[in-house]
Amino acid sequence: MTNRHSFPAAPAPGAKPGESGDRDVLPDSPCVAVCSTLFDEICRGCGRTADEVANWVSFSPERKREVWKRILAQGYPRRRG
């Protein structure tokens, strides 16, 4: 059994939603072990809110996909905070 889900990749600049396809398979969690919410409620490593981190395991695949879409558009996950 695998713990990976297929999520749509972030769209290319200028692409319309849905044009990117499922060409990339992302890990279930965007965590990159650079955990810090020192300055605000957003993790500097993965881009999730503290609430999203705490509740990630209970999120549906659709909710995870929504979070992935947002954090990828914002340039996360980042290996260096």
PDB file of N, CA and C in Angstrom:
ATOM      1  N   MET A   1       0.835  -1.174   0.000  1.00  0.00           N
ATOM      2  CA  MET A   1       0.000   0.000   0.000  1.00  0.00           C
ATOM      3  C   MET A   1       0.883   1.243   0.000  1.00  0.00           C
ATOM      4  N   THR A   2       0.519   2.216  -0.783  1.00  0.00           N
ATOM      5  CA  THR A   2       1.304   3.434  -0.894  1.00  0.00           C
ATOM      6  C   THR A   2       0.599   4.593  -0.212  1.00  0.00           C
ATOM      7  N   ASN A   3       1.358   5.550   0.274  1.00  0.00           N
ATOM      8  CA  ASN A   3       0.797   6.710   0.945  1.00  0.00           C
ATOM      9  C   ASN A   3       0.961   7.943   0.067  1.00  0.00           C
ATOM     10  N   ARG A   4       0.695   7.790  -1.224  1.00  0.00           N
ATOM     11  CA  ARG A   4       0.829   8.886  -2.163  1.00  0.00           C
ATOM     12  C   ARG A   4      -0.484   9.059  -2.906  1.00  0.00           C
ATOM     13  N   HIS A   5      -0.792  10.293  -3.240  1.00  0.00           N
ATOM     14  CA  HIS A   5      -1.986  10.612  -4.004  1.00  0.00           C
ATOM     15  C   HIS A   5      -1.567  11.375  -5.234  1.00  0.00           C
ATOM     16  N   SER A   6      -2.327  11.246  -6.279  1.00  0.00           N
ATOM     17  CA  SER A   6      -2.075  12.013  -7.480  1.00  0.00           C
ATOM     18  C   SER A   6      -2.841  13.323  -7.390  1.00  0.00           C
ATOM     19  N   PHE A   7      -2.105  14.424  -7.361  1.00  0.00           N
ATOM     20  CA  PHE A   7      -2.710  15.734  -7.321  1.00  0.00           C
ATOM     21  C   PHE A   7      -2.313  16.477  -8.575  1.00  0.00           C
ATOM     22  N   PRO A   8      -3.153  17.361  -9.052  1.00  0.00           N
ATOM     23  CA  PRO A   8      -2.774  18.142 -10.218  1.00  0.00           C
ATOM     24  C   PRO A   8      -1.553  18.996  -9.920  1.00  0.00           C
ATOM     25  N   ALA A   9      -0.679  19.116 -10.883  1.00  0.00           N
ATOM     26  CA  ALA A   9       0.484  19.971 -10.728  1.00  0.00           C
ATOM     27  C   ALA A   9       0.045  21.424 -10.782  1.00  0.00           C
ATOM     28  N   ALA A  10       0.890  22.296 -10.278  1.00  0.00           N
ATOM     29  CA  ALA A  10       0.591  23.724 -10.373  1.00  0.00           C
ATOM     30  C   ALA A  10       0.557  24.105 -11.841  1.00  0.00           C
ATOM     31  N   PRO A  11      -0.413  24.904 -12.242  1.00  0.00           N
ATOM     32  CA  PRO A  11      -0.502  25.270 -13.645  1.00  0.00           C
ATOM     33  C   PRO A  11       0.686  26.101 -14.086  1.00  0.00           C
ATOM     34  N   ALA A  12       1.064  25.920 -15.340  1.00  0.00           N
ATOM     35  CA  ALA A  12       2.133  26.735 -15.912  1.00  0.00           C
ATOM     36  C   ALA A  12       1.642  28.170 -15.984  1.00  0.00           C
ATOM     37  N   PRO A  13       2.577  29.136 -15.947  1.00  0.00           N
ATOM     38  CA  PRO A  13       2.145  30.531 -16.050  1.00  0.00           C
ATOM     39  C   PRO A  13       1.299  30.747 -17.298  1.00  0.00           C
ATOM     40  N   GLY A  14       0.154  31.374 -17.124  1.00  0.00           N
ATOM     41  CA  GLY A  14      -0.743  31.643 -18.232  1.00  0.00           C
ATOM     42  C   GLY A  14      -1.688  30.506 -18.576  1.00  0.00           C
ATOM     43  N   ALA A  15      -1.517  29.344 -17.937  1.00  0.00           N
ATOM     44  CA  ALA A  15      -2.384  28.201 -18.217  1.00  0.00           C
ATOM     45  C   ALA A  15      -3.717  28.389 -17.511  1.00  0.00           C
ATOM     46  N   LYS A  16      -4.749  27.843 -18.096  1.00  0.00           N
ATOM     47  CA  LYS A  16      -6.071  27.884 -17.483  1.00  0.00           C
ATOM     48  C   LYS A  16      -6.206  26.719 -16.526  1.00  0.00           C
ATOM     49  N   PRO A  17      -7.044  26.844 -15.492  1.00  0.00           N
ATOM     50  CA  PRO A  17      -7.233  25.734 -14.558  1.00  0.00           C
ATOM     51  C   PRO A  17      -7.608  24.458 -15.290  1.00  0.00           C
ATOM     52  N   GLY A  18      -6.974  23.355 -14.883  1.00  0.00           N
ATOM     53  CA  GLY A  18      -7.262  22.060 -15.485  1.00  0.00           C
ATOM     54  C   GLY A  18      -6.379  21.712 -16.667  1.00  0.00           C
ATOM     55  N   GLU A  19      -5.551  22.651 -17.133  1.00  0.00           N
ATOM     56  CA  GLU A  19      -4.693  22.372 -18.282  1.00  0.00           C
ATOM     57  C   GLU A  19      -3.425  21.625 -17.915  1.00  0.00           C
ATOM     58  N   SER A  20      -3.031  21.634 -16.640  1.00  0.00           N
ATOM     59  CA  SER A  20      -1.767  21.023 -16.259  1.00  0.00           C
ATOM     60  C   SER A  20      -1.832  19.501 -16.233  1.00  0.00           C
ATOM     61  N   GLY A  21      -3.032  18.928 -16.050  1.00  0.00           N
ATOM     62  CA  GLY A  21      -3.166  17.480 -16.025  1.00  0.00           C
ATOM     63  C   GLY A  21      -2.595  16.891 -14.747  1.00  0.00           C
ATOM     64  N   ASP A  22      -2.518  15.575 -14.704  1.00  0.00           N
ATOM     65  CA  ASP A  22      -1.984  14.870 -13.541  1.00  0.00           C
ATOM     66  C   ASP A  22      -0.590  14.347 -13.840  1.00  0.00           C
ATOM     67  N   ARG A  23       0.276  15.191 -14.370  1.00  0.00           N
ATOM     68  CA  ARG A  23       1.592  14.726 -14.784  1.00  0.00           C
ATOM     69  C   ARG A  23       2.536  14.487 -13.615  1.00  0.00           C
ATOM     70  N   ASP A  24       2.270  15.102 -12.479  1.00  0.00           N
ATOM     71  CA  ASP A  24       3.134  14.938 -11.320  1.00  0.00           C
ATOM     72  C   ASP A  24       2.389  14.233 -10.209  1.00  0.00           C
ATOM     73  N   VAL A  25       3.089  13.408  -9.461  1.00  0.00           N
ATOM     74  CA  VAL A  25       2.506  12.782  -8.280  1.00  0.00           C
ATOM     75  C   VAL A  25       3.200  13.413  -7.087  1.00  0.00           C
ATOM     76  N   LEU A  26       2.412  14.019  -6.222  1.00  0.00           N
ATOM     77  CA  LEU A  26       2.953  14.686  -5.049  1.00  0.00           C
ATOM     78  C   LEU A  26       2.797  13.794  -3.834  1.00  0.00           C
ATOM     79  N   PRO A  27       3.680  13.947  -2.848  1.00  0.00           N
ATOM     80  CA  PRO A  27       3.514  13.177  -1.615  1.00  0.00           C
ATOM     81  C   PRO A  27       2.235  13.587  -0.900  1.00  0.00           C
ATOM     82  N   ASP A  28       1.766  12.727  -0.026  1.00  0.00           N
ATOM     83  CA  ASP A  28       0.540  13.046   0.709  1.00  0.00           C
ATOM     84  C   ASP A  28       0.680  14.352   1.476  1.00  0.00           C
ATOM     85  N   SER A  29       1.788  14.545   2.143  1.00  0.00           N
ATOM     86  CA  SER A  29       1.993  15.739   2.962  1.00  0.00           C
ATOM     87  C   SER A  29       3.064  16.630   2.337  1.00  0.00           C
ATOM     88  N   PRO A  30       2.853  17.946   2.376  1.00  0.00           N
ATOM     89  CA  PRO A  30       3.871  18.857   1.862  1.00  0.00           C
ATOM     90  C   PRO A  30       5.000  19.138   2.857  1.00  0.00           C
ATOM     91  N   CYS A  31       4.988  18.494   4.012  1.00  0.00           N
ATOM     92  CA  CYS A  31       5.998  18.743   5.036  1.00  0.00           C
ATOM     93  C   CYS A  31       7.405  18.470   4.495  1.00  0.00           C
ATOM     94  N   VAL A  32       8.321  19.411   4.732  1.00  0.00           N
ATOM     95  CA  VAL A  32       9.717  19.247   4.329  1.00  0.00           C
ATOM     96  C   VAL A  32      10.646  19.338   5.539  1.00  0.00           C
ATOM     97  N   ALA A  33      10.090  19.189   6.734  1.00  0.00           N
ATOM     98  CA  ALA A  33      10.838  19.194   7.995  1.00  0.00           C
ATOM     99  C   ALA A  33      11.574  20.509   8.223  1.00  0.00           C
ATOM    100  N   VAL A  34      11.011  21.605   7.744  1.00  0.00           N
ATOM    101  CA  VAL A  34      11.493  22.951   8.031  1.00  0.00           C
ATOM    102  C   VAL A  34      10.319  23.644   8.708  1.00  0.00           C
ATOM    103  N   CYS A  35      10.034  23.231   9.918  1.00  0.00           N
ATOM    104  CA  CYS A  35       8.818  23.650  10.600  1.00  0.00           C
ATOM    105  C   CYS A  35       9.058  24.907  11.428  1.00  0.00           C
ATOM    106  N   SER A  36       8.341  25.968  11.095  1.00  0.00           N
ATOM    107  CA  SER A  36       8.425  27.184  11.878  1.00  0.00           C
ATOM    108  C   SER A  36       7.220  28.057  11.604  1.00  0.00           C
ATOM    109  N   THR A  37       6.534  28.433  12.655  1.00  0.00           N
ATOM    110  CA  THR A  37       5.461  29.427  12.566  1.00  0.00           C
ATOM    111  C   THR A  37       5.804  30.571  13.524  1.00  0.00           C
ATOM    112  N   LEU A  38       7.084  30.851  13.665  1.00  0.00           N
ATOM    113  CA  LEU A  38       7.570  31.842  14.617  1.00  0.00           C
ATOM    114  C   LEU A  38       6.997  33.234  14.380  1.00  0.00           C
ATOM    115  N   PHE A  39       6.906  33.659  13.119  1.00  0.00           N
ATOM    116  CA  PHE A  39       6.504  35.029  12.825  1.00  0.00           C
ATOM    117  C   PHE A  39       5.034  35.182  12.466  1.00  0.00           C
ATOM    118  N   ASP A  40       4.375  34.108  12.085  1.00  0.00           N
ATOM    119  CA  ASP A  40       2.947  34.154  11.766  1.00  0.00           C
ATOM    120  C   ASP A  40       2.381  32.749  11.824  1.00  0.00           C
ATOM    121  N   GLU A  41       1.175  32.564  11.362  1.00  0.00           N
ATOM    122  CA  GLU A  41       0.507  31.270  11.436  1.00  0.00           C
ATOM    123  C   GLU A  41       0.790  30.370  10.234  1.00  0.00           C
ATOM    124  N   ILE A  42       1.728  30.766   9.365  1.00  0.00           N
ATOM    125  CA  ILE A  42       2.063  29.979   8.179  1.00  0.00           C
ATOM    126  C   ILE A  42       3.420  29.327   8.377  1.00  0.00           C
ATOM    127  N   CYS A  43       3.500  28.027   8.157  1.00  0.00           N
ATOM    128  CA  CYS A  43       4.774  27.320   8.278  1.00  0.00           C
ATOM    129  C   CYS A  43       5.727  27.790   7.186  1.00  0.00           C
ATOM    130  N   ARG A  44       6.936  28.138   7.558  1.00  0.00           N
ATOM    131  CA  ARG A  44       7.933  28.620   6.604  1.00  0.00           C
ATOM    132  C   ARG A  44       8.417  27.526   5.668  1.00  0.00           C
ATOM    133  N   GLY A  45       8.226  26.272   6.033  1.00  0.00           N
ATOM    134  CA  GLY A  45       8.670  25.174   5.179  1.00  0.00           C
ATOM    135  C   GLY A  45       7.625  24.713   4.183  1.00  0.00           C
ATOM    136  N   CYS A  46       6.421  24.421   4.681  1.00  0.00           N
ATOM    137  CA  CYS A  46       5.406  23.831   3.801  1.00  0.00           C
ATOM    138  C   CYS A  46       4.334  24.805   3.346  1.00  0.00           C
ATOM    139  N   GLY A  47       4.190  25.941   4.022  1.00  0.00           N
ATOM    140  CA  GLY A  47       3.195  26.926   3.625  1.00  0.00           C
ATOM    141  C   GLY A  47       1.801  26.703   4.169  1.00  0.00           C
ATOM    142  N   ARG A  48       1.624  25.643   4.964  1.00  0.00           N
ATOM    143  CA  ARG A  48       0.303  25.396   5.541  1.00  0.00           C
ATOM    144  C   ARG A  48       0.109  26.221   6.798  1.00  0.00           C
ATOM    145  N   THR A  49      -1.153  26.477   7.116  1.00  0.00           N
ATOM    146  CA  THR A  49      -1.461  27.139   8.379  1.00  0.00           C
ATOM    147  C   THR A  49      -1.272  26.135   9.510  1.00  0.00           C
ATOM    148  N   ALA A  50      -1.169  26.642  10.729  1.00  0.00           N
ATOM    149  CA  ALA A  50      -1.036  25.756  11.889  1.00  0.00           C
ATOM    150  C   ALA A  50      -2.222  24.800  11.970  1.00  0.00           C
ATOM    151  N   ASP A  51      -3.426  25.292  11.650  1.00  0.00           N
ATOM    152  CA  ASP A  51      -4.625  24.449  11.654  1.00  0.00           C
ATOM    153  C   ASP A  51      -4.529  23.349  10.591  1.00  0.00           C
ATOM    154  N   GLU A  52      -4.036  23.688   9.414  1.00  0.00           N
ATOM    155  CA  GLU A  52      -3.898  22.686   8.347  1.00  0.00           C
ATOM    156  C   GLU A  52      -2.890  21.612   8.726  1.00  0.00           C
ATOM    157  N   VAL A  53      -1.790  22.007   9.351  1.00  0.00           N
ATOM    158  CA  VAL A  53      -0.789  21.030   9.795  1.00  0.00           C
ATOM    159  C   VAL A  53      -1.394  20.096  10.832  1.00  0.00           C
ATOM    160  N   ALA A  54      -2.079  20.676  11.818  1.00  0.00           N
ATOM    161  CA  ALA A  54      -2.641  19.889  12.914  1.00  0.00           C
ATOM    162  C   ALA A  54      -3.727  18.921  12.451  1.00  0.00           C
ATOM    163  N   ASN A  55      -4.480  19.295  11.430  1.00  0.00           N
ATOM    164  CA  ASN A  55      -5.621  18.488  10.999  1.00  0.00           C
ATOM    165  C   ASN A  55      -5.412  17.751   9.681  1.00  0.00           C
ATOM    166  N   TRP A  56      -4.205  17.794   9.132  1.00  0.00           N
ATOM    167  CA  TRP A  56      -3.918  17.230   7.808  1.00  0.00           C
ATOM    168  C   TRP A  56      -4.389  15.785   7.678  1.00  0.00           C
ATOM    169  N   VAL A  57      -4.134  14.959   8.674  1.00  0.00           N
ATOM    170  CA  VAL A  57      -4.472  13.534   8.566  1.00  0.00           C
ATOM    171  C   VAL A  57      -5.968  13.281   8.436  1.00  0.00           C
ATOM    172  N   SER A  58      -6.783  14.224   8.883  1.00  0.00           N
ATOM    173  CA  SER A  58      -8.233  14.031   8.782  1.00  0.00           C
ATOM    174  C   SER A  58      -8.832  14.697   7.537  1.00  0.00           C
ATOM    175  N   PHE A  59      -8.020  15.413   6.762  1.00  0.00           N
ATOM    176  CA  PHE A  59      -8.532  16.070   5.560  1.00  0.00           C
ATOM    177  C   PHE A  59      -8.869  15.045   4.483  1.00  0.00           C
ATOM    178  N   SER A  60      -9.899  15.326   3.735  1.00  0.00           N
ATOM    179  CA  SER A  60     -10.257  14.491   2.577  1.00  0.00           C
ATOM    180  C   SER A  60      -9.236  14.737   1.468  1.00  0.00           C
ATOM    181  N   PRO A  61      -9.142  13.822   0.510  1.00  0.00           N
ATOM    182  CA  PRO A  61      -8.242  14.056  -0.631  1.00  0.00           C
ATOM    183  C   PRO A  61      -8.558  15.379  -1.353  1.00  0.00           C
ATOM    184  N   GLU A  62      -9.825  15.736  -1.424  1.00  0.00           N
ATOM    185  CA  GLU A  62     -10.199  16.985  -2.092  1.00  0.00           C
ATOM    186  C   GLU A  62      -9.677  18.194  -1.327  1.00  0.00           C
ATOM    187  N   ARG A  63      -9.790  18.181   0.001  1.00  0.00           N
ATOM    188  CA  ARG A  63      -9.286  19.289   0.822  1.00  0.00           C
ATOM    189  C   ARG A  63      -7.773  19.388   0.713  1.00  0.00           C
ATOM    190  N   LYS A  64      -7.093  18.237   0.741  1.00  0.00           N
ATOM    191  CA  LYS A  64      -5.636  18.237   0.578  1.00  0.00           C
ATOM    192  C   LYS A  64      -5.255  18.827  -0.775  1.00  0.00           C
ATOM    193  N   ARG A  65      -5.997  18.475  -1.804  1.00  0.00           N
ATOM    194  CA  ARG A  65      -5.739  18.994  -3.144  1.00  0.00           C
ATOM    195  C   ARG A  65      -5.875  20.518  -3.166  1.00  0.00           C
ATOM    196  N   GLU A  66      -6.887  21.060  -2.468  1.00  0.00           N
ATOM    197  CA  GLU A  66      -7.073  22.514  -2.378  1.00  0.00           C
ATOM    198  C   GLU A  66      -5.871  23.184  -1.719  1.00  0.00           C
ATOM    199  N   VAL A  67      -5.399  22.587  -0.624  1.00  0.00           N
ATOM    200  CA  VAL A  67      -4.249  23.154   0.086  1.00  0.00           C
ATOM    201  C   VAL A  67      -3.012  23.069  -0.791  1.00  0.00           C
ATOM    202  N   TRP A  68      -2.786  21.910  -1.421  1.00  0.00           N
ATOM    203  CA  TRP A  68      -1.637  21.758  -2.315  1.00  0.00           C
ATOM    204  C   TRP A  68      -1.657  22.815  -3.412  1.00  0.00           C
ATOM    205  N   LYS A  69      -2.811  23.044  -4.003  1.00  0.00           N
ATOM    206  CA  LYS A  69      -2.918  24.022  -5.080  1.00  0.00           C
ATOM    207  C   LYS A  69      -2.500  25.406  -4.589  1.00  0.00           C
ATOM    208  N   ARG A  70      -2.990  25.793  -3.412  1.00  0.00           N
ATOM    209  CA  ARG A  70      -2.655  27.103  -2.860  1.00  0.00           C
ATOM    210  C   ARG A  70      -1.174  27.228  -2.531  1.00  0.00           C
ATOM    211  N   ILE A  71      -0.622  26.237  -1.843  1.00  0.00           N
ATOM    212  CA  ILE A  71       0.774  26.376  -1.419  1.00  0.00           C
ATOM    213  C   ILE A  71       1.735  26.307  -2.603  1.00  0.00           C
ATOM    214  N   LEU A  72       1.421  25.510  -3.613  1.00  0.00           N
ATOM    215  CA  LEU A  72       2.275  25.484  -4.808  1.00  0.00           C
ATOM    216  C   LEU A  72       2.240  26.828  -5.521  1.00  0.00           C
ATOM    217  N   ALA A  73       1.077  27.439  -5.601  1.00  0.00           N
ATOM    218  CA  ALA A  73       0.953  28.755  -6.233  1.00  0.00           C
ATOM    219  C   ALA A  73       1.736  29.815  -5.457  1.00  0.00           C
ATOM    220  N   GLN A  74       1.909  29.609  -4.158  1.00  0.00           N
ATOM    221  CA  GLN A  74       2.634  30.558  -3.310  1.00  0.00           C
ATOM    222  C   GLN A  74       4.125  30.241  -3.207  1.00  0.00           C
ATOM    223  N   GLY A  75       4.590  29.230  -3.935  1.00  0.00           N
ATOM    224  CA  GLY A  75       6.016  28.911  -3.941  1.00  0.00           C
ATOM    225  C   GLY A  75       6.480  27.944  -2.870  1.00  0.00           C
ATOM    226  N   TYR A  76       5.570  27.268  -2.243  1.00  0.00           N
ATOM    227  CA  TYR A  76       5.895  26.251  -1.245  1.00  0.00           C
ATOM    228  C   TYR A  76       5.758  24.886  -1.889  1.00  0.00           C
ATOM    229  N   PRO A  77       6.267  23.838  -1.259  1.00  0.00           N
ATOM    230  CA  PRO A  77       7.111  23.803  -0.066  1.00  0.00           C
ATOM    231  C   PRO A  77       8.526  24.312  -0.364  1.00  0.00           C
ATOM    232  N   ARG A  78       9.179  24.788   0.675  1.00  0.00           N
ATOM    233  CA  ARG A  78      10.541  25.323   0.587  1.00  0.00           C
ATOM    234  C   ARG A  78      11.446  24.529   1.498  1.00  0.00           C
ATOM    235  N   ARG A  79      12.538  24.093   0.976  1.00  0.00           N
ATOM    236  CA  ARG A  79      13.504  23.336   1.797  1.00  0.00           C
ATOM    237  C   ARG A  79      14.247  24.238   2.762  1.00  0.00           C
ATOM    238  N   ARG A  80      14.354  25.507   2.447  1.00  0.00           N
ATOM    239  CA  ARG A  80      15.013  26.468   3.336  1.00  0.00           C
ATOM    240  C   ARG A  80      14.009  27.528   3.715  1.00  0.00           C
ATOM    241  N   GLY A  81      13.822  27.768   5.012  1.00  0.00           N
ATOM    242  CA  GLY A  81      12.836  28.725   5.507  1.00  0.00           C
ATOM    243  C   GLY A  81      13.152  30.123   5.306  1.00  0.00           C
TER     244      GLY A  81
END
